[in-house]
Protein backbone atom coordinates (compact mmCIF):
# COMPACT_ATOMS: atom_id res chain seq x y z
CA MET A 1 121.01 37.43 106.82
CA ILE A 2 123.29 39.80 108.52
CA LEU A 3 127.02 40.36 107.87
CA SER A 4 129.23 42.59 109.59
CA LEU A 5 132.65 44.40 108.52
CA SER A 6 135.69 44.66 110.45
CA LEU A 7 139.10 45.30 109.91
CA PRO A 8 141.41 42.41 109.14
CA ARG A 9 144.58 41.96 110.84
CA VAL A 10 147.67 42.67 108.65
CA GLY A 11 150.86 41.66 110.63
CA GLU A 12 151.18 40.68 114.26
CA ARG A 13 152.09 43.59 115.43
CA MET A 14 148.80 45.50 113.90
CA GLN A 15 146.45 47.06 116.07
CA ALA A 16 144.68 49.57 114.09
CA GLY A 17 144.55 51.47 110.46
CA THR A 18 143.43 54.61 109.69
CA VAL A 19 141.04 55.48 106.64
CA HIS A 20 142.83 56.81 103.93
CA ARG A 21 139.86 56.70 101.57
CA VAL A 22 136.38 55.34 101.29
CA ILE A 23 135.48 53.40 98.19
CA ALA A 24 132.17 51.68 98.25
CA ARG A 25 129.07 53.28 99.46
CA ALA A 26 125.99 52.32 101.74
CA GLY A 27 123.40 50.83 98.81
CA ASP A 28 126.23 49.31 96.88
CA ALA A 29 125.73 46.03 95.37
CA LEU A 30 129.20 43.96 96.23
CA ARG A 31 130.65 41.48 94.27
CA PRO A 32 133.60 39.51 94.73
CA GLY A 33 136.65 41.82 93.90
CA ALA A 34 134.43 45.06 94.93
CA PRO A 35 137.13 47.56 97.00
CA LEU A 36 135.36 48.76 100.35
CA LEU A 37 138.03 51.01 101.52
CA GLU A 38 141.88 51.72 102.11
CA VAL A 39 143.80 52.00 105.02
CA LEU A 40 146.93 53.28 106.65
CA VAL A 41 149.24 50.49 108.65
CA ASP A 42 151.71 51.31 110.64
CA LEU A 43 152.88 48.29 112.21
CA GLU A 44 156.34 50.27 114.14
CA GLU A 45 154.75 53.51 115.01
CA ALA A 46 155.80 52.94 118.45
CA ASN A 47 159.66 52.69 117.56
CA ALA A 48 161.38 55.92 116.19
CA ARG A 49 162.92 55.12 112.66
CA ASP A 50 164.05 57.01 109.58
CA CYS A 51 161.62 54.77 107.32
CA PRO A 52 158.33 53.54 109.36
CA ALA A 53 157.33 50.63 108.56
CA ALA A 54 153.69 52.23 106.79
CA PHE A 55 152.29 50.72 104.02
CA PHE A 56 148.36 51.39 102.65
CA VAL A 57 145.92 48.07 102.62
CA ARG A 58 142.72 47.59 100.33
CA LEU A 59 140.18 45.66 101.59
CA ILE A 60 138.59 44.34 99.47
CA ALA A 61 135.11 42.00 99.59
CA THR A 62 134.41 37.79 98.68
CA GLU A 63 131.05 37.54 98.43
CA ARG A 64 127.97 38.68 97.16
CA ALA A 65 126.02 41.21 99.62
CA TYR A 66 124.40 44.57 99.89
CA LEU A 67 126.37 47.20 102.01
CA ARG A 68 123.51 48.91 103.67
CA THR A 69 125.95 51.13 106.70
CA LEU A 70 128.77 52.34 106.01
CA LEU A 71 130.51 54.01 109.49
CA VAL A 72 133.76 55.52 108.44
CA ALA A 73 135.14 58.49 106.79
CA PRO A 74 138.82 59.10 105.98
CA GLY A 75 140.89 59.86 108.84
CA ASP A 76 138.92 57.85 111.13
CA VAL A 77 141.25 55.53 113.16
CA LEU A 78 139.71 51.50 113.06
CA GLN A 79 140.82 49.06 115.26
CA VAL A 80 141.61 45.52 113.98
CA ALA A 81 137.92 43.55 114.27
CA ALA A 82 136.18 46.00 115.24
CA PRO A 83 132.83 46.68 112.98
CA PHE A 84 132.65 49.23 110.81
CA GLY A 85 129.83 48.47 108.78
CA ILE A 86 126.69 46.28 107.87
CA ALA A 87 126.08 43.92 104.66
CA THR A 88 123.18 41.61 104.01
CA THR A 89 123.14 38.95 101.66
CA THR A 90 119.65 40.28 99.64
CA PRO A 91 118.78 44.01 99.11
CA ASP A 92 115.59 44.24 101.19
CA GLU A 93 116.11 42.25 104.11
CA SER A 94 116.30 44.01 107.45
CA PHE A 95 119.57 44.90 108.91
CA ASP A 96 118.31 44.77 112.53
CA GLY A 97 119.62 42.40 114.93
CA PRO A 98 123.33 40.90 115.29
CA ALA A 99 125.55 39.91 112.12
CA LEU A 100 125.40 36.01 111.96
CA ARG A 101 129.31 36.50 110.56
CA ALA A 102 131.37 38.63 109.21
CA LEU A 103 131.67 40.00 105.39
CA ARG A 104 134.13 37.79 103.68
CA THR A 105 136.92 40.08 102.73
CA THR A 106 140.84 40.17 101.79
CA SER A 107 143.22 43.09 101.90
CA VAL A 108 146.31 43.62 99.50
CA ALA A 109 148.94 45.79 99.64
CA ILE A 110 148.58 48.74 97.54
CA GLN A 111 151.33 51.59 96.62
CA VAL A 112 149.20 55.17 96.94
CA ASP A 113 150.72 58.60 95.13
CA PRO A 114 152.76 60.00 97.98
CA LEU A 115 151.70 63.36 96.86
CA SER A 116 147.85 62.14 97.66
CA THR A 117 148.38 61.66 101.09
């Protein structure tokens, strides 16, 4: 089965996120708990403030799959729900054609060393 990867909405104001770090690679066998990437989310980018409502989230797979393509790099801006990769349920199946559903994922807020950004 072909599965799409997309950025979930984290907070009602979120429209996009900036890729901070790509962890997974095409060809990886994913298992529940496997991290895919880290994204910087700014929920208040339209409002000027001294301390922006920005935080990092890590996107994590919650099911077994095989990552076939991952079309992101650090600095890329991802729109919510826009596809950025493809996974399949078996390692050797074709991934030509439309995805039947999204890869099941979850996201967690993480703390990133400010000197690494």
